[in-house]
PDB file of N, CA and C in Angstrom:
ATOM      1  N   MET A   1     189.246-160.457 -72.972  1.00  0.00           N
ATOM      2  CA  MET A   1     189.248-159.332 -72.443  1.00  0.00           C
ATOM      3  C   MET A   1     189.684-158.966 -71.005  1.00  0.00           C
ATOM      4  N   LEU A   2     190.482-158.310 -71.014  1.00  0.00           N
ATOM      5  CA  LEU A   2     191.474-157.927 -69.818  1.00  0.00           C
ATOM      6  C   LEU A   2     190.333-156.927 -68.683  1.00  0.00           C
ATOM      7  N   LYS A   3     190.385-157.499 -67.176  1.00  0.00           N
ATOM      8  CA  LYS A   3     189.415-156.629 -66.412  1.00  0.00           C
ATOM      9  C   LYS A   3     190.444-156.145 -65.380  1.00  0.00           C
ATOM     10  N   HIS A   4     189.930-155.206 -64.680  1.00  0.00           N
ATOM     11  CA  HIS A   4     190.876-155.019 -63.064  1.00  0.00           C
ATOM     12  C   HIS A   4     189.760-155.129 -61.902  1.00  0.00           C
ATOM     13  N   TYR A   5     189.941-155.878 -61.007  1.00  0.00           N
ATOM     14  CA  TYR A   5     188.854-155.881 -59.750  1.00  0.00           C
ATOM     15  C   TYR A   5     189.785-155.144 -58.637  1.00  0.00           C
ATOM     16  N   HIS A   6     189.316-154.325 -57.446  1.00  0.00           N
ATOM     17  CA  HIS A   6     189.861-154.276 -56.545  1.00  0.00           C
ATOM     18  C   HIS A   6     188.930-154.801 -55.610  1.00  0.00           C
ATOM     19  N   ILE A   7     189.338-155.710 -54.849  1.00  0.00           N
ATOM     20  CA  ILE A   7     188.687-156.370 -53.958  1.00  0.00           C
ATOM     21  C   ILE A   7     189.093-156.154 -52.663  1.00  0.00           C
ATOM     22  N   GLU A   8     188.172-156.145 -51.488  1.00  0.00           N
ATOM     23  CA  GLU A   8     188.098-155.609 -50.049  1.00  0.00           C
ATOM     24  C   GLU A   8     187.579-156.475 -49.503  1.00  0.00           C
ATOM     25  N   ILE A   9     188.211-157.712 -48.322  1.00  0.00           N
ATOM     26  CA  ILE A   9     187.856-158.432 -47.644  1.00  0.00           C
ATOM     27  C   ILE A   9     187.838-158.231 -46.085  1.00  0.00           C
ATOM     28  N   ARG A  10     186.666-158.234 -45.381  1.00  0.00           N
ATOM     29  CA  ARG A  10     186.546-158.228 -43.768  1.00  0.00           C
ATOM     30  C   ARG A  10     186.346-159.728 -43.251  1.00  0.00           C
ATOM     31  N   GLY A  11     186.777-159.663 -42.109  1.00  0.00           N
ATOM     32  CA  GLY A  11     186.439-160.941 -41.624  1.00  0.00           C
ATOM     33  C   GLY A  11     187.483-161.753 -40.798  1.00  0.00           C
ATOM     34  N   LYS A  12     187.526-162.763 -40.196  1.00  0.00           N
ATOM     35  CA  LYS A  12     188.592-163.486 -39.370  1.00  0.00           C
ATOM     36  C   LYS A  12     189.631-164.069 -40.357  1.00  0.00           C
ATOM     37  N   VAL A  13     190.489-163.513 -40.805  1.00  0.00           N
ATOM     38  CA  VAL A  13     191.160-163.902 -41.734  1.00  0.00           C
ATOM     39  C   VAL A  13     192.438-163.908 -41.045  1.00  0.00           C
ATOM     40  N   ASN A  14     193.404-165.199 -41.339  1.00  0.00           N
ATOM     41  CA  ASN A  14     194.837-165.149 -40.921  1.00  0.00           C
ATOM     42  C   ASN A  14     195.792-164.352 -42.098  1.00  0.00           C
ATOM     43  N   ARG A  15     196.087-163.084 -41.772  1.00  0.00           N
ATOM     44  CA  ARG A  15     196.706-162.310 -42.672  1.00  0.00           C
ATOM     45  C   ARG A  15     197.829-162.575 -43.586  1.00  0.00           C
ATOM     46  N   GLN A  16     198.700-163.490 -43.022  1.00  0.00           N
ATOM     47  CA  GLN A  16     199.903-163.733 -43.948  1.00  0.00           C
ATOM     48  C   GLN A  16     199.420-165.001 -44.399  1.00  0.00           C
ATOM     49  N   GLY A  17     198.729-166.116 -43.885  1.00  0.00           N
ATOM     50  CA  GLY A  17     198.223-167.358 -44.578  1.00  0.00           C
ATOM     51  C   GLY A  17     197.397-166.979 -45.739  1.00  0.00           C
ATOM     52  N   TYR A  18     196.276-166.066 -45.516  1.00  0.00           N
ATOM     53  CA  TYR A  18     195.468-165.591 -46.642  1.00  0.00           C
ATOM     54  C   TYR A  18     196.080-164.987 -47.695  1.00  0.00           C
ATOM     55  N   LYS A  19     196.913-164.103 -47.712  1.00  0.00           N
ATOM     56  CA  LYS A  19     197.840-163.389 -48.632  1.00  0.00           C
ATOM     57  C   LYS A  19     198.461-164.463 -49.427  1.00  0.00           C
ATOM     58  N   LEU A  20     199.178-165.210 -48.698  1.00  0.00           N
ATOM     59  CA  LEU A  20     199.809-166.359 -49.384  1.00  0.00           C
ATOM     60  C   LEU A  20     198.946-167.267 -50.389  1.00  0.00           C
ATOM     61  N   GLN A  21     197.661-167.570 -49.650  1.00  0.00           N
ATOM     62  CA  GLN A  21     196.857-168.368 -50.556  1.00  0.00           C
ATOM     63  C   GLN A  21     196.368-167.546 -51.599  1.00  0.00           C
ATOM     64  N   THR A  22     195.982-166.395 -51.465  1.00  0.00           N
ATOM     65  CA  THR A  22     195.595-165.434 -52.651  1.00  0.00           C
ATOM     66  C   THR A  22     196.773-165.450 -53.695  1.00  0.00           C
ATOM     67  N   MET A  23     198.006-165.317 -53.575  1.00  0.00           N
ATOM     68  CA  MET A  23     198.921-165.367 -54.522  1.00  0.00           C
ATOM     69  C   MET A  23     198.937-166.910 -54.959  1.00  0.00           C
ATOM     70  N   ILE A  24     198.876-167.781 -54.422  1.00  0.00           N
ATOM     71  CA  ILE A  24     198.798-169.169 -55.247  1.00  0.00           C
ATOM     72  C   ILE A  24     197.852-168.991 -55.838  1.00  0.00           C
ATOM     73  N   LEU A  25     196.586-168.774 -55.717  1.00  0.00           N
ATOM     74  CA  LEU A  25     195.586-168.710 -56.594  1.00  0.00           C
ATOM     75  C   LEU A  25     195.974-167.949 -57.996  1.00  0.00           C
ATOM     76  N   ALA A  26     196.290-166.631 -57.523  1.00  0.00           N
ATOM     77  CA  ALA A  26     196.829-165.643 -58.628  1.00  0.00           C
ATOM     78  C   ALA A  26     197.362-166.296 -59.728  1.00  0.00           C
ATOM     79  N   ASN A  27     198.409-167.190 -59.085  1.00  0.00           N
ATOM     80  CA  ASN A  27     199.464-167.843 -60.013  1.00  0.00           C
ATOM     81  C   ASN A  27     198.763-169.058 -60.841  1.00  0.00           C
ATOM     82  N   ARG A  28     197.911-169.643 -60.198  1.00  0.00           N
ATOM     83  CA  ARG A  28     197.117-170.910 -60.824  1.00  0.00           C
ATOM     84  C   ARG A  28     196.297-170.308 -61.830  1.00  0.00           C
ATOM     85  N   TYR A  29     195.601-169.124 -61.707  1.00  0.00           N
ATOM     86  CA  TYR A  29     194.604-168.474 -62.841  1.00  0.00           C
ATOM     87  C   TYR A  29     195.213-167.372 -63.336  1.00  0.00           C
ATOM     88  N   THR A  30     196.554-167.373 -63.660  1.00  0.00           N
ATOM     89  CA  THR A  30     197.428-166.531 -64.693  1.00  0.00           C
ATOM     90  C   THR A  30     196.899-164.845 -64.276  1.00  0.00           C
ATOM     91  N   ILE A  31     196.590-164.654 -63.152  1.00  0.00           N
ATOM     92  CA  ILE A  31     196.220-163.344 -62.480  1.00  0.00           C
ATOM     93  C   ILE A  31     197.354-162.538 -62.193  1.00  0.00           C
ATOM     94  N   GLN A  32     197.625-160.957 -62.308  1.00  0.00           N
ATOM     95  CA  GLN A  32     198.637-160.101 -62.110  1.00  0.00           C
ATOM     96  C   GLN A  32     197.805-159.284 -61.174  1.00  0.00           C
ATOM     97  N   GLY A  33     198.788-158.597 -60.144  1.00  0.00           N
ATOM     98  CA  GLY A  33     198.122-157.651 -59.290  1.00  0.00           C
ATOM     99  C   GLY A  33     198.922-157.909 -57.989  1.00  0.00           C
ATOM    100  N   LYS A  34     198.327-157.476 -57.080  1.00  0.00           N
ATOM    101  CA  LYS A  34     198.949-157.523 -55.247  1.00  0.00           C
ATOM    102  C   LYS A  34     197.766-157.928 -54.258  1.00  0.00           C
ATOM    103  N   VAL A  35     198.035-158.375 -53.434  1.00  0.00           N
ATOM    104  CA  VAL A  35     197.687-158.449 -52.162  1.00  0.00           C
ATOM    105  C   VAL A  35     198.224-157.836 -51.295  1.00  0.00           C
ATOM    106  N   SER A  36     197.304-156.842 -50.133  1.00  0.00           N
ATOM    107  CA  SER A  36     197.916-156.284 -48.872  1.00  0.00           C
ATOM    108  C   SER A  36     197.058-156.143 -47.958  1.00  0.00           C
ATOM    109  N   GLU A  37     197.365-155.714 -46.827  1.00  0.00           N
ATOM    110  CA  GLU A  37     196.590-155.776 -45.631  1.00  0.00           C
ATOM    111  C   GLU A  37     196.478-154.232 -45.131  1.00  0.00           C
ATOM    112  N   GLY A  38     195.317-153.597 -44.766  1.00  0.00           N
ATOM    113  CA  GLY A  38     195.319-152.391 -44.095  1.00  0.00           C
ATOM    114  C   GLY A  38     193.974-152.175 -43.556  1.00  0.00           C
ATOM    115  N   ASN A  39     193.939-151.467 -42.479  1.00  0.00           N
ATOM    116  CA  ASN A  39     192.635-150.801 -41.896  1.00  0.00           C
ATOM    117  C   ASN A  39     191.833-152.466 -41.515  1.00  0.00           C
ATOM    118  N   ASN A  40     192.148-153.488 -41.123  1.00  0.00           N
ATOM    119  CA  ASN A  40     191.541-154.360 -40.767  1.00  0.00           C
ATOM    120  C   ASN A  40     190.998-154.964 -42.087  1.00  0.00           C
ATOM    121  N   LEU A  41     191.802-155.000 -43.027  1.00  0.00           N
ATOM    122  CA  LEU A  41     190.874-155.800 -43.998  1.00  0.00           C
ATOM    123  C   LEU A  41     192.097-156.102 -45.011  1.00  0.00           C
ATOM    124  N   ILE A  42     191.600-157.016 -45.788  1.00  0.00           N
ATOM    125  CA  ILE A  42     192.754-157.494 -47.129  1.00  0.00           C
ATOM    126  C   ILE A  42     192.382-157.076 -48.166  1.00  0.00           C
ATOM    127  N   GLU A  43     193.167-156.324 -48.996  1.00  0.00           N
ATOM    128  CA  GLU A  43     192.893-155.587 -50.267  1.00  0.00           C
ATOM    129  C   GLU A  43     193.556-156.123 -51.254  1.00  0.00           C
ATOM    130  N   ILE A  44     193.074-156.824 -52.521  1.00  0.00           N
ATOM    131  CA  ILE A  44     193.378-157.543 -53.380  1.00  0.00           C
ATOM    132  C   ILE A  44     193.513-156.636 -54.860  1.00  0.00           C
ATOM    133  N   GLU A  45     194.558-156.089 -55.581  1.00  0.00           N
ATOM    134  CA  GLU A  45     194.194-155.537 -57.050  1.00  0.00           C
ATOM    135  C   GLU A  45     194.566-156.899 -57.737  1.00  0.00           C
ATOM    136  N   ALA A  46     193.541-157.103 -58.848  1.00  0.00           N
ATOM    137  CA  ALA A  46     193.747-158.337 -59.688  1.00  0.00           C
ATOM    138  C   ALA A  46     193.348-157.860 -60.859  1.00  0.00           C
ATOM    139  N   GLU A  47     194.133-158.473 -62.038  1.00  0.00           N
ATOM    140  CA  GLU A  47     193.911-158.137 -63.338  1.00  0.00           C
ATOM    141  C   GLU A  47     194.325-159.567 -64.166  1.00  0.00           C
ATOM    142  N   GLY A  48     193.383-159.770 -65.157  1.00  0.00           N
ATOM    143  CA  GLY A  48     193.095-160.915 -66.019  1.00  0.00           C
ATOM    144  C   GLY A  48     192.069-161.076 -66.827  1.00  0.00           C
ATOM    145  N   GLU A  49     192.528-162.115 -67.529  1.00  0.00           N
ATOM    146  CA  GLU A  49     191.114-162.595 -68.640  1.00  0.00           C
ATOM    147  C   GLU A  49     190.010-162.519 -67.970  1.00  0.00           C
ATOM    148  N   GLU A  50     188.858-162.278 -68.286  1.00  0.00           N
ATOM    149  CA  GLU A  50     187.391-162.067 -67.635  1.00  0.00           C
ATOM    150  C   GLU A  50     187.362-163.652 -66.856  1.00  0.00           C
ATOM    151  N   ALA A  51     187.325-164.653 -67.586  1.00  0.00           N
ATOM    152  CA  ALA A  51     186.970-165.898 -67.296  1.00  0.00           C
ATOM    153  C   ALA A  51     187.949-166.224 -66.045  1.00  0.00           C
ATOM    154  N   LYS A  52     189.078-166.384 -66.098  1.00  0.00           N
ATOM    155  CA  LYS A  52     189.920-166.565 -65.186  1.00  0.00           C
ATOM    156  C   LYS A  52     189.932-165.537 -63.910  1.00  0.00           C
ATOM    157  N   LEU A  53     189.962-164.396 -64.505  1.00  0.00           N
ATOM    158  CA  LEU A  53     189.427-163.373 -63.130  1.00  0.00           C
ATOM    159  C   LEU A  53     188.388-163.736 -62.345  1.00  0.00           C
ATOM    160  N   ASP A  54     187.152-164.053 -62.884  1.00  0.00           N
ATOM    161  CA  ASP A  54     185.895-164.431 -62.214  1.00  0.00           C
ATOM    162  C   ASP A  54     186.206-165.678 -61.243  1.00  0.00           C
ATOM    163  N   THR A  55     187.156-166.695 -62.166  1.00  0.00           N
ATOM    164  CA  THR A  55     187.216-167.802 -61.333  1.00  0.00           C
ATOM    165  C   THR A  55     188.170-167.507 -60.193  1.00  0.00           C
ATOM    166  N   PHE A  56     188.950-166.702 -60.215  1.00  0.00           N
ATOM    167  CA  PHE A  56     189.941-166.251 -59.137  1.00  0.00           C
ATOM    168  C   PHE A  56     189.179-165.888 -57.975  1.00  0.00           C
ATOM    169  N   VAL A  57     187.981-165.055 -58.113  1.00  0.00           N
ATOM    170  CA  VAL A  57     187.345-164.099 -57.308  1.00  0.00           C
ATOM    171  C   VAL A  57     186.530-165.270 -56.619  1.00  0.00           C
ATOM    172  N   ALA A  58     185.986-165.999 -57.286  1.00  0.00           N
ATOM    173  CA  ALA A  58     184.912-167.296 -56.554  1.00  0.00           C
ATOM    174  C   ALA A  58     185.730-168.080 -55.655  1.00  0.00           C
ATOM    175  N   ALA A  59     186.956-168.381 -56.019  1.00  0.00           N
ATOM    176  CA  ALA A  59     188.060-169.280 -55.266  1.00  0.00           C
ATOM    177  C   ALA A  59     188.503-168.370 -54.072  1.00  0.00           C
ATOM    178  N   CYS A  60     188.522-166.993 -54.133  1.00  0.00           N
ATOM    179  CA  CYS A  60     189.035-165.856 -52.901  1.00  0.00           C
ATOM    180  C   CYS A  60     187.618-165.783 -51.899  1.00  0.00           C
ATOM    181  N   LYS A  61     186.508-166.068 -52.202  1.00  0.00           N
ATOM    182  CA  LYS A  61     185.242-166.027 -51.574  1.00  0.00           C
ATOM    183  C   LYS A  61     185.263-167.437 -50.669  1.00  0.00           C
ATOM    184  N   LYS A  62     185.816-168.369 -51.078  1.00  0.00           N
ATOM    185  CA  LYS A  62     185.850-169.336 -50.212  1.00  0.00           C
ATOM    186  C   LYS A  62     186.549-169.218 -49.234  1.00  0.00           C
ATOM    187  N   GLU A  63     186.133-169.903 -48.012  1.00  0.00           N
ATOM    188  CA  GLU A  63     187.329-169.816 -46.492  1.00  0.00           C
ATOM    189  C   GLU A  63     188.481-170.682 -46.920  1.00  0.00           C
ATOM    190  N   MET A  64     189.555-170.191 -46.512  1.00  0.00           N
ATOM    191  CA  MET A  64     190.661-171.073 -46.577  1.00  0.00           C
ATOM    192  C   MET A  64     191.326-171.187 -45.407  1.00  0.00           C
ATOM    193  N   ASN A  65     191.711-172.278 -45.016  1.00  0.00           N
ATOM    194  CA  ASN A  65     192.693-172.515 -43.854  1.00  0.00           C
ATOM    195  C   ASN A  65     192.052-172.044 -42.554  1.00  0.00           C
ATOM    196  N   GLY A  66     190.587-172.621 -42.518  1.00  0.00           N
ATOM    197  CA  GLY A  66     189.846-171.952 -41.408  1.00  0.00           C
ATOM    198  C   GLY A  66     189.476-170.142 -41.231  1.00  0.00           C
ATOM    199  N   ASP A  67     189.893-169.631 -42.178  1.00  0.00           N
ATOM    200  CA  ASP A  67     189.481-168.324 -42.121  1.00  0.00           C
ATOM    201  C   ASP A  67     188.089-167.912 -42.547  1.00  0.00           C
ATOM    202  N   ARG A  68     187.218-166.896 -42.097  1.00  0.00           N
ATOM    203  CA  ARG A  68     186.207-166.455 -42.089  1.00  0.00           C
ATOM    204  C   ARG A  68     185.755-165.134 -42.459  1.00  0.00           C
ATOM    205  N   ILE A  69     185.104-165.249 -43.892  1.00  0.00           N
ATOM    206  CA  ILE A  69     185.204-163.972 -44.645  1.00  0.00           C
ATOM    207  C   ILE A  69     183.819-163.378 -44.242  1.00  0.00           C
ATOM    208  N   ASP A  70     183.421-162.275 -43.899  1.00  0.00           N
ATOM    209  CA  ASP A  70     182.328-161.656 -43.188  1.00  0.00           C
ATOM    210  C   ASP A  70     181.594-160.741 -44.381  1.00  0.00           C
ATOM    211  N   GLU A  71     182.514-160.054 -44.957  1.00  0.00           N
ATOM    212  CA  GLU A  71     182.362-159.084 -46.157  1.00  0.00           C
ATOM    213  C   GLU A  71     183.451-159.125 -47.218  1.00  0.00           C
ATOM    214  N   MET A  72     182.777-158.970 -48.553  1.00  0.00           N
ATOM    215  CA  MET A  72     183.596-158.933 -49.853  1.00  0.00           C
ATOM    216  C   MET A  72     183.304-158.114 -50.518  1.00  0.00           C
ATOM    217  N   THR A  73     183.758-156.888 -50.904  1.00  0.00           N
ATOM    218  CA  THR A  73     183.088-156.020 -51.931  1.00  0.00           C
ATOM    219  C   THR A  73     183.993-156.113 -53.074  1.00  0.00           C
ATOM    220  N   ILE A  74     183.716-155.813 -54.329  1.00  0.00           N
ATOM    221  CA  ILE A  74     184.179-155.853 -55.922  1.00  0.00           C
ATOM    222  C   ILE A  74     184.142-154.789 -56.329  1.00  0.00           C
ATOM    223  N   GLU A  75     185.201-154.036 -56.996  1.00  0.00           N
ATOM    224  CA  GLU A  75     184.851-153.016 -57.399  1.00  0.00           C
ATOM    225  C   GLU A  75     185.551-152.948 -58.879  1.00  0.00           C
ATOM    226  N   LYS A  76     185.168-152.560 -59.972  1.00  0.00           N
ATOM    227  CA  LYS A  76     185.852-152.672 -61.315  1.00  0.00           C
ATOM    228  C   LYS A  76     186.700-151.299 -61.196  1.00  0.00           C
ATOM    229  N   ARG A  77     187.967-151.485 -61.789  1.00  0.00           N
ATOM    230  CA  ARG A  77     188.796-150.393 -62.055  1.00  0.00           C
ATOM    231  C   ARG A  77     189.369-150.475 -63.536  1.00  0.00           C
ATOM    232  N   PRO A  78     190.224-149.134 -63.631  1.00  0.00           N
ATOM    233  CA  PRO A  78     190.889-149.126 -64.969  1.00  0.00           C
ATOM    234  C   PRO A  78     192.223-150.057 -64.791  1.00  0.00           C
ATOM    235  N   LEU A  79     192.569-150.787 -66.062  1.00  0.00           N
ATOM    236  CA  LEU A  79     193.619-151.505 -65.951  1.00  0.00           C
ATOM    237  C   LEU A  79     194.974-150.574 -65.479  1.00  0.00           C
ATOM    238  N   ALA A  80     196.054-151.215 -64.756  1.00  0.00           N
ATOM    239  CA  ALA A  80     197.036-150.904 -64.113  1.00  0.00           C
ATOM    240  C   ALA A  80     198.136-151.558 -64.917  1.00  0.00           C
ATOM    241  N   TYR A  81     198.071-152.828 -65.535  1.00  0.00           N
ATOM    242  CA  TYR A  81     198.891-153.194 -66.353  1.00  0.00           C
ATOM    243  C   TYR A  81     200.197-153.960 -65.219  1.00  0.00           C
ATOM    244  N   TYR A  82     199.595-154.881 -64.338  1.00  0.00           N
ATOM    245  CA  TYR A  82     200.616-155.373 -63.456  1.00  0.00           C
ATOM    246  C   TYR A  82     201.288-156.545 -64.278  1.00  0.00           C
ATOM    247  N   ASP A  83     202.583-156.666 -63.996  1.00  0.00           N
ATOM    248  CA  ASP A  83     203.563-157.893 -64.751  1.00  0.00           C
ATOM    249  C   ASP A  83     203.532-159.172 -63.899  1.00  0.00           C
ATOM    250  N   GLU A  84     203.019-158.933 -62.791  1.00  0.00           N
ATOM    251  CA  GLU A  84     202.895-160.326 -61.781  1.00  0.00           C
ATOM    252  C   GLU A  84     202.184-159.870 -60.713  1.00  0.00           C
ATOM    253  N   PHE A  85     201.998-160.983 -59.930  1.00  0.00           N
ATOM    254  CA  PHE A  85     201.087-161.085 -58.805  1.00  0.00           C
ATOM    255  C   PHE A  85     202.078-160.929 -57.537  1.00  0.00           C
ATOM    256  N   ILE A  86     201.874-159.873 -56.397  1.00  0.00           N
ATOM    257  CA  ILE A  86     202.859-159.607 -55.123  1.00  0.00           C
ATOM    258  C   ILE A  86     202.245-159.600 -54.083  1.00  0.00           C
ATOM    259  N   ILE A  87     202.960-160.117 -52.886  1.00  0.00           N
ATOM    260  CA  ILE A  87     202.546-159.801 -51.634  1.00  0.00           C
ATOM    261  C   ILE A  87     203.240-158.568 -51.250  1.00  0.00           C
ATOM    262  N   HIS A  88     202.287-157.393 -51.260  1.00  0.00           N
ATOM    263  CA  HIS A  88     202.911-156.078 -50.520  1.00  0.00           C
ATOM    264  C   HIS A  88     202.619-155.906 -49.162  1.00  0.00           C
TER     265      HIS A  88
END
């Protein structure tokens, strides 16, 4: 079953590096959507099969390249039917 999550991440993250790592993870787990930054946070729109999406979210929670995540919020949203994952 396909799901869509809107994820917001706050903390000390290297914006460009974190976004690139997020895209690499999305490609690894066949997740579609986008990652962007705004208002001192990283925002991720992610869609995929439930098990793969949950694995993707768990991987995003881990600190990458010395980044520190202080807060992560995850909200279920209606599907947007992305056909790829991009850095926005």
